[in-house]
């Protein structure tokens, strides 16, 4: 049965994606993060890899956005680039399958990916970088658009959410996910105010290595100024 997207509206989605090769990069930790997020009020989860999606699905019936990341030699696209990835995520129990919706060189065109997602009876989430990505994704049948890749197609990674993109996407559909650099509750509130119906928070909740580094950097900066 297709997911009722309205059940996620105005909801918090926690992305449980551990640092690759890090101390938390195993199924038990991902499931633990997922269950802790649900206890804290998360309406849904975003999980990377079919293995971890399957493990989380066994532990909860909360909505799961599944994706697979790959580093390809012939394409900059990383999020669910292959049809086999869609199949694996659907079989693992993902309710929503996220894919890179940018207009870049890719192994499989986005329309074909959306068709495969729908063939499994799943909901398609388009991870976008600019508004034209969202326009094309909706025309191809994606039910949800997200600001996931805003700023990530250029040479410098962003440090703040793209509220302008979120607002522009809301003019196209009510199913808008704010994702990327939502590091504080205030930024999450701003994302909703900009037009998001769902907010994904990842590193600030489930990557303690990153959060620790943010605090360490802030303290180092203060100490450097004090010693100047």
C-alpha atoms as a PDB file:
ATOM      1  CA  UNK A   1       0.000   0.000   0.000  1.00  0.00           C
ATOM      2  CA  UNK A   2       1.451   3.431  -0.923  1.00  0.00           C
ATOM      3  CA  UNK A   3       2.511   5.620   1.977  1.00  0.00           C
ATOM      4  CA  UNK A   4       0.145   8.327   3.182  1.00  0.00           C
ATOM      5  CA  UNK A   5       2.503  11.288   2.830  1.00  0.00           C
ATOM      6  CA  UNK A   6       0.184  13.479   4.883  1.00  0.00           C
ATOM      7  CA  UNK A   7       1.160  11.441   7.934  1.00  0.00           C
ATOM      8  CA  UNK A   8       4.621  12.990   7.681  1.00  0.00           C
ATOM      9  CA  UNK A   9       3.582  16.592   7.119  1.00  0.00           C
ATOM     10  CA  UNK A  10       5.031  19.036   9.631  1.00  0.00           C
ATOM     11  CA  UNK A  11       7.049  16.127  10.917  1.00  0.00           C
ATOM     12  CA  UNK A  12      10.641  15.601  11.929  1.00  0.00           C
ATOM     13  CA  UNK A  13      12.518  12.961   9.969  1.00  0.00           C
ATOM     14  CA  UNK A  14      15.797  11.814  11.473  1.00  0.00           C
ATOM     15  CA  UNK A  15      18.513  10.693   9.106  1.00  0.00           C
ATOM     16  CA  UNK A  16      20.389   7.802  10.713  1.00  0.00           C
ATOM     17  CA  UNK A  17      23.447   7.640   8.482  1.00  0.00           C
ATOM     18  CA  UNK A  18      26.623   6.917  10.437  1.00  0.00           C
ATOM     19  CA  UNK A  19      30.016   8.105   9.255  1.00  0.00           C
ATOM     20  CA  UNK A  20      31.318   5.413   6.916  1.00  0.00           C
ATOM     21  CA  UNK A  21      33.836   3.288   8.741  1.00  0.00           C
ATOM     22  CA  UNK A  22      33.128   5.139  11.985  1.00  0.00           C
ATOM     23  CA  UNK A  23      32.376   3.711  15.400  1.00  0.00           C
ATOM     24  CA  UNK A  24      28.612   3.815  14.755  1.00  0.00           C
ATOM     25  CA  UNK A  25      28.717   2.178  11.324  1.00  0.00           C
ATOM     26  CA  UNK A  26      26.885  -1.044  12.053  1.00  0.00           C
ATOM     27  CA  UNK A  27      23.283  -2.222  11.953  1.00  0.00           C
ATOM     28  CA  UNK A  28      22.806  -2.361  15.725  1.00  0.00           C
ATOM     29  CA  UNK A  29      23.873   1.268  16.126  1.00  0.00           C
ATOM     30  CA  UNK A  30      21.670   2.443  13.264  1.00  0.00           C
ATOM     31  CA  UNK A  31      18.666   0.659  14.747  1.00  0.00           C
ATOM     32  CA  UNK A  32      19.484   2.168  18.137  1.00  0.00           C
ATOM     33  CA  UNK A  33      19.644   5.664  16.690  1.00  0.00           C
ATOM     34  CA  UNK A  34      16.369   5.059  14.840  1.00  0.00           C
ATOM     35  CA  UNK A  35      14.494   3.863  17.911  1.00  0.00           C
ATOM     36  CA  UNK A  36      15.906   6.692  20.029  1.00  0.00           C
ATOM     37  CA  UNK A  37      14.780   9.194  17.388  1.00  0.00           C
ATOM     38  CA  UNK A  38      11.280   7.745  17.422  1.00  0.00           C
ATOM     39  CA  UNK A  39      11.213   7.971  21.211  1.00  0.00           C
ATOM     40  CA  UNK A  40      12.092  11.647  20.832  1.00  0.00           C
ATOM     41  CA  UNK A  41       9.209  12.304  18.464  1.00  0.00           C
ATOM     42  CA  UNK A  42      10.516  11.587  14.966  1.00  0.00           C
ATOM     43  CA  UNK A  43       7.724  10.938  12.469  1.00  0.00           C
ATOM     44  CA  UNK A  44       9.992   9.054  10.086  1.00  0.00           C
ATOM     45  CA  UNK A  45      13.539   7.972   9.352  1.00  0.00           C
ATOM     46  CA  UNK A  46      16.019   8.323   6.495  1.00  0.00           C
ATOM     47  CA  UNK A  47      18.283   5.306   6.207  1.00  0.00           C
ATOM     48  CA  UNK A  48      21.171   4.555   3.848  1.00  0.00           C
ATOM     49  CA  UNK A  49      21.833   1.056   2.423  1.00  0.00           C
ATOM     50  CA  UNK A  50      19.474  -1.866   1.925  1.00  0.00           C
ATOM     51  CA  UNK A  51      21.107  -3.671   4.858  1.00  0.00           C
ATOM     52  CA  UNK A  52      20.339  -0.903   7.313  1.00  0.00           C
ATOM     53  CA  UNK A  53      16.857  -0.295   5.886  1.00  0.00           C
ATOM     54  CA  UNK A  54      16.045  -3.978   6.435  1.00  0.00           C
ATOM     55  CA  UNK A  55      17.369  -3.864  10.004  1.00  0.00           C
ATOM     56  CA  UNK A  56      15.369  -0.750  10.856  1.00  0.00           C
ATOM     57  CA  UNK A  57      12.238  -2.124   9.190  1.00  0.00           C
ATOM     58  CA  UNK A  58      12.371  -5.149  11.472  1.00  0.00           C
ATOM     59  CA  UNK A  59      12.509  -2.846  14.496  1.00  0.00           C
ATOM     60  CA  UNK A  60       9.761  -0.331  13.633  1.00  0.00           C
ATOM     61  CA  UNK A  61       6.835   0.315  11.319  1.00  0.00           C
ATOM     62  CA  UNK A  62       7.542   4.058  11.156  1.00  0.00           C
ATOM     63  CA  UNK A  63       7.935   5.441   7.608  1.00  0.00           C
ATOM     64  CA  UNK A  64      11.421   4.885   6.200  1.00  0.00           C
ATOM     65  CA  UNK A  65      13.065   6.867   3.414  1.00  0.00           C
ATOM     66  CA  UNK A  66      15.650   4.571   1.892  1.00  0.00           C
ATOM     67  CA  UNK A  67      18.630   5.427  -0.263  1.00  0.00           C
ATOM     68  CA  UNK A  68      21.886   3.898  -1.404  1.00  0.00           C
ATOM     69  CA  UNK A  69      25.051   5.960  -1.844  1.00  0.00           C
ATOM     70  CA  UNK A  70      27.684   5.022  -4.395  1.00  0.00           C
ATOM     71  CA  UNK A  71      30.896   6.644  -5.569  1.00  0.00           C
ATOM     72  CA  UNK A  72      30.880   6.160  -9.335  1.00  0.00           C
ATOM     73  CA  UNK A  73      33.822   6.636 -11.668  1.00  0.00           C
ATOM     74  CA  UNK A  74      31.727   7.960 -14.547  1.00  0.00           C
ATOM     75  CA  UNK A  75      29.121  10.094 -12.768  1.00  0.00           C
ATOM     76  CA  UNK A  76      28.944  12.590  -9.877  1.00  0.00           C
ATOM     77  CA  UNK A  77      25.532  11.171  -8.909  1.00  0.00           C
ATOM     78  CA  UNK A  78      25.755   9.309  -5.586  1.00  0.00           C
ATOM     79  CA  UNK A  79      22.201   8.781  -4.300  1.00  0.00           C
ATOM     80  CA  UNK A  80      20.418   5.678  -5.625  1.00  0.00           C
ATOM     81  CA  UNK A  81      21.932   5.839  -9.121  1.00  0.00           C
ATOM     82  CA  UNK A  82      21.011   2.325 -10.301  1.00  0.00           C
ATOM     83  CA  UNK A  83      17.778   0.434 -10.850  1.00  0.00           C
ATOM     84  CA  UNK A  84      19.235  -2.396  -8.782  1.00  0.00           C
ATOM     85  CA  UNK A  85      19.435   0.061  -5.881  1.00  0.00           C
ATOM     86  CA  UNK A  86      15.734   0.802  -6.170  1.00  0.00           C
ATOM     87  CA  UNK A  87      14.956  -2.915  -6.200  1.00  0.00           C
ATOM     88  CA  UNK A  88      17.131  -3.565  -3.149  1.00  0.00           C
ATOM     89  CA  UNK A  89      15.588  -0.735  -1.131  1.00  0.00           C
ATOM     90  CA  UNK A  90      12.048  -1.764  -2.010  1.00  0.00           C
ATOM     91  CA  UNK A  91      12.765  -5.365  -1.055  1.00  0.00           C
ATOM     92  CA  UNK A  92      14.329  -4.191   2.217  1.00  0.00           C
ATOM     93  CA  UNK A  93      11.119  -2.403   3.191  1.00  0.00           C
ATOM     94  CA  UNK A  94      11.645   1.275   2.388  1.00  0.00           C
ATOM     95  CA  UNK A  95       8.354   3.192   2.091  1.00  0.00           C
ATOM     96  CA  UNK A  96       9.934   6.108   0.233  1.00  0.00           C
ATOM     97  CA  UNK A  97      12.937   5.799  -2.063  1.00  0.00           C
ATOM     98  CA  UNK A  98      15.147   8.851  -2.455  1.00  0.00           C
ATOM     99  CA  UNK A  99      17.181   9.450  -5.589  1.00  0.00           C
ATOM    100  CA  UNK A 100      19.481  12.161  -6.955  1.00  0.00           C
ATOM    101  CA  UNK A 101      17.236  14.320  -9.150  1.00  0.00           C
ATOM    102  CA  UNK A 102      19.942  16.662 -10.417  1.00  0.00           C
ATOM    103  CA  UNK A 103      20.404  17.186 -14.124  1.00  0.00           C
ATOM    104  CA  UNK A 104      23.873  15.701 -14.330  1.00  0.00           C
ATOM    105  CA  UNK A 105      25.496  12.828 -16.188  1.00  0.00           C
ATOM    106  CA  UNK A 106      24.099   9.627 -14.740  1.00  0.00           C
ATOM    107  CA  UNK A 107      23.919   5.895 -15.457  1.00  0.00           C
ATOM    108  CA  UNK A 108      20.083   5.803 -15.460  1.00  0.00           C
ATOM    109  CA  UNK A 109      17.782   8.691 -16.335  1.00  0.00           C
ATOM    110  CA  UNK A 110      15.563  10.032 -13.571  1.00  0.00           C
ATOM    111  CA  UNK A 111      12.280   9.198 -15.299  1.00  0.00           C
ATOM    112  CA  UNK A 112      13.251   5.533 -15.450  1.00  0.00           C
ATOM    113  CA  UNK A 113      14.208   5.578 -11.766  1.00  0.00           C
ATOM    114  CA  UNK A 114      10.833   7.045 -10.787  1.00  0.00           C
ATOM    115  CA  UNK A 115       9.022   4.480 -12.918  1.00  0.00           C
ATOM    116  CA  UNK A 116      10.925   1.674 -11.176  1.00  0.00           C
ATOM    117  CA  UNK A 117      10.130   3.107  -7.742  1.00  0.00           C
ATOM    118  CA  UNK A 118       6.438   3.219  -8.632  1.00  0.00           C
ATOM    119  CA  UNK A 119       6.565  -0.285 -10.068  1.00  0.00           C
ATOM    120  CA  UNK A 120       7.367  -1.442  -6.538  1.00  0.00           C
ATOM    121  CA  UNK A 121       4.458   0.574  -5.147  1.00  0.00           C
ATOM    122  CA  UNK A 122       6.801   2.948  -3.358  1.00  0.00           C
ATOM    123  CA  UNK A 123       6.843   6.744  -3.081  1.00  0.00           C
ATOM    124  CA  UNK A 124       9.557   8.654  -4.959  1.00  0.00           C
ATOM    125  CA  UNK A 125      11.510  11.431  -3.244  1.00  0.00           C
ATOM    126  CA  UNK A 126      13.585  13.661  -5.508  1.00  0.00           C
ATOM    127  CA  UNK A 127      16.750  15.002  -3.881  1.00  0.00           C
ATOM    128  CA  UNK A 128      17.174  18.344  -5.650  1.00  0.00           C
ATOM    129  CA  UNK A 129      19.854  21.006  -5.952  1.00  0.00           C
ATOM    130  CA  UNK A 130      17.968  23.764  -7.801  1.00  0.00           C
ATOM    131  CA  UNK A 131      14.347  24.539  -8.613  1.00  0.00           C
ATOM    132  CA  UNK A 132      14.507  23.125 -12.157  1.00  0.00           C
ATOM    133  CA  UNK A 133      15.379  19.739 -10.636  1.00  0.00           C
ATOM    134  CA  UNK A 134      12.124  19.852  -8.688  1.00  0.00           C
ATOM    135  CA  UNK A 135      10.104  20.951 -11.716  1.00  0.00           C
ATOM    136  CA  UNK A 136      11.407  18.035 -13.751  1.00  0.00           C
ATOM    137  CA  UNK A 137      11.005  15.545 -10.908  1.00  0.00           C
ATOM    138  CA  UNK A 138       7.359  16.431 -10.349  1.00  0.00           C
ATOM    139  CA  UNK A 139       6.689  16.241 -14.084  1.00  0.00           C
ATOM    140  CA  UNK A 140       8.170  12.745 -14.060  1.00  0.00           C
ATOM    141  CA  UNK A 141       5.917  11.659 -11.204  1.00  0.00           C
ATOM    142  CA  UNK A 142       7.927  12.113  -8.021  1.00  0.00           C
ATOM    143  CA  UNK A 143       5.621  12.726  -5.077  1.00  0.00           C
ATOM    144  CA  UNK A 144       8.119  14.501  -2.801  1.00  0.00           C
ATOM    145  CA  UNK A 145      10.886  17.002  -3.498  1.00  0.00           C
ATOM    146  CA  UNK A 146      13.703  17.868  -1.120  1.00  0.00           C
ATOM    147  CA  UNK A 147      16.440  20.461  -0.843  1.00  0.00           C
ATOM    148  CA  UNK A 148      18.931  17.700  -0.050  1.00  0.00           C
ATOM    149  CA  UNK A 149      21.535  18.554  -2.680  1.00  0.00           C
ATOM    150  CA  UNK A 150      21.301  22.361  -2.622  1.00  0.00           C
ATOM    151  CA  UNK A 151      24.858  23.634  -2.859  1.00  0.00           C
ATOM    152  CA  UNK A 152      26.375  20.176  -3.109  1.00  0.00           C
ATOM    153  CA  UNK A 153      26.873  20.240  -6.881  1.00  0.00           C
ATOM    154  CA  UNK A 154      29.469  23.005  -6.667  1.00  0.00           C
ATOM    155  CA  UNK A 155      33.064  23.158  -5.433  1.00  0.00           C
ATOM    156  CA  UNK A 156      32.206  24.306  -1.896  1.00  0.00           C
ATOM    157  CA  UNK A 157      29.839  22.512   0.453  1.00  0.00           C
ATOM    158  CA  UNK A 158      27.112  24.701   2.014  1.00  0.00           C
ATOM    159  CA  UNK A 159      26.856  25.325   5.746  1.00  0.00           C
ATOM    160  CA  UNK A 160      23.250  26.582   5.918  1.00  0.00           C
ATOM    161  CA  UNK A 161      19.890  25.335   4.611  1.00  0.00           C
ATOM    162  CA  UNK A 162      18.686  26.800   1.314  1.00  0.00           C
ATOM    163  CA  UNK A 163      15.514  28.492   2.510  1.00  0.00           C
ATOM    164  CA  UNK A 164      14.970  30.178  -0.867  1.00  0.00           C
ATOM    165  CA  UNK A 165      14.880  26.813  -2.639  1.00  0.00           C
ATOM    166  CA  UNK A 166      12.491  25.439  -0.026  1.00  0.00           C
ATOM    167  CA  UNK A 167      10.140  28.394  -0.570  1.00  0.00           C
ATOM    168  CA  UNK A 168      10.317  28.015  -4.343  1.00  0.00           C
ATOM    169  CA  UNK A 169       9.538  24.303  -4.178  1.00  0.00           C
ATOM    170  CA  UNK A 170       6.528  24.994  -1.981  1.00  0.00           C
ATOM    171  CA  UNK A 171       5.065  26.933  -4.909  1.00  0.00           C
ATOM    172  CA  UNK A 172       5.132  23.666  -6.858  1.00  0.00           C
ATOM    173  CA  UNK A 173       3.898  21.141  -4.274  1.00  0.00           C
ATOM    174  CA  UNK A 174       3.003  20.852  -0.608  1.00  0.00           C
ATOM    175  CA  UNK A 175       5.259  17.801  -0.228  1.00  0.00           C
ATOM    176  CA  UNK A 176       8.541  19.597   0.396  1.00  0.00           C
ATOM    177  CA  UNK A 177      11.363  18.225   2.519  1.00  0.00           C
ATOM    178  CA  UNK A 178      13.942  20.572   4.010  1.00  0.00           C
ATOM    179  CA  UNK A 179      17.199  18.683   4.223  1.00  0.00           C
ATOM    180  CA  UNK A 180      20.816  19.666   4.514  1.00  0.00           C
ATOM    181  CA  UNK A 181      22.594  21.577   7.283  1.00  0.00           C
ATOM    182  CA  UNK A 182      19.587  21.766   9.600  1.00  0.00           C
ATOM    183  CA  UNK A 183      21.797  21.824  12.677  1.00  0.00           C
ATOM    184  CA  UNK A 184      19.622  23.520  15.298  1.00  0.00           C
ATOM    185  CA  UNK A 185      15.944  23.612  16.327  1.00  0.00           C
ATOM    186  CA  UNK A 186      15.818  27.247  15.209  1.00  0.00           C
ATOM    187  CA  UNK A 187      16.911  26.292  11.682  1.00  0.00           C
ATOM    188  CA  UNK A 188      14.250  23.565  11.662  1.00  0.00           C
ATOM    189  CA  UNK A 189      11.640  26.166  12.600  1.00  0.00           C
ATOM    190  CA  UNK A 190      12.871  28.442   9.820  1.00  0.00           C
ATOM    191  CA  UNK A 191      12.618  25.584   7.358  1.00  0.00           C
ATOM    192  CA  UNK A 192       8.959  25.061   8.235  1.00  0.00           C
ATOM    193  CA  UNK A 193       8.336  28.782   8.013  1.00  0.00           C
ATOM    194  CA  UNK A 194       9.911  28.803   4.553  1.00  0.00           C
ATOM    195  CA  UNK A 195       7.420  26.230   3.300  1.00  0.00           C
ATOM    196  CA  UNK A 196       8.751  22.804   4.181  1.00  0.00           C
ATOM    197  CA  UNK A 197       6.192  20.224   5.206  1.00  0.00           C
ATOM    198  CA  UNK A 198       8.872  17.856   6.522  1.00  0.00           C
ATOM    199  CA  UNK A 199      12.310  18.520   8.008  1.00  0.00           C
ATOM    200  CA  UNK A 200      15.192  16.065   7.911  1.00  0.00           C
ATOM    201  CA  UNK A 201      17.874  16.357  10.570  1.00  0.00           C
ATOM    202  CA  UNK A 202      20.879  14.083  10.344  1.00  0.00           C
ATOM    203  CA  UNK A 203      24.376  14.946  11.511  1.00  0.00           C
ATOM    204  CA  UNK A 204      23.223  17.102  14.424  1.00  0.00           C
ATOM    205  CA  UNK A 205      21.476  14.066  15.922  1.00  0.00           C
ATOM    206  CA  UNK A 206      23.174  10.929  14.632  1.00  0.00           C
ATOM    207  CA  UNK A 207      26.788  11.841  13.861  1.00  0.00           C
ATOM    208  CA  UNK A 208      28.444  12.552  17.210  1.00  0.00           C
ATOM    209  CA  UNK A 209      31.814  12.812  15.450  1.00  0.00           C
ATOM    210  CA  UNK A 210      30.553  15.874  13.573  1.00  0.00           C
ATOM    211  CA  UNK A 211      28.842  17.472  16.548  1.00  0.00           C
ATOM    212  CA  UNK A 212      31.932  16.991  18.690  1.00  0.00           C
ATOM    213  CA  UNK A 213      34.035  18.617  15.963  1.00  0.00           C
ATOM    214  CA  UNK A 214      31.677  21.624  15.858  1.00  0.00           C
ATOM    215  CA  UNK A 215      32.127  22.180  19.585  1.00  0.00           C
ATOM    216  CA  UNK A 216      35.871  21.558  19.390  1.00  0.00           C
ATOM    217  CA  UNK A 217      36.217  24.072  16.555  1.00  0.00           C
ATOM    218  CA  UNK A 218      34.192  26.687  18.435  1.00  0.00           C
ATOM    219  CA  UNK A 219      36.298  26.313  21.559  1.00  0.00           C
ATOM    220  CA  UNK A 220      39.532  26.431  19.575  1.00  0.00           C
ATOM    221  CA  UNK A 221      38.389  29.653  17.901  1.00  0.00           C
ATOM    222  CA  UNK A 222      37.596  31.263  21.247  1.00  0.00           C
ATOM    223  CA  UNK A 223      40.917  30.214  22.745  1.00  0.00           C
ATOM    224  CA  UNK A 224      42.783  31.510  19.710  1.00  0.00           C
ATOM    225  CA  UNK A 225      41.111  34.911  20.062  1.00  0.00           C
ATOM    226  CA  UNK A 226      41.868  35.007  23.773  1.00  0.00           C
ATOM    227  CA  UNK A 227      45.509  34.354  23.085  1.00  0.00           C
ATOM    228  CA  UNK A 228      45.791  36.904  20.291  1.00  0.00           C
END
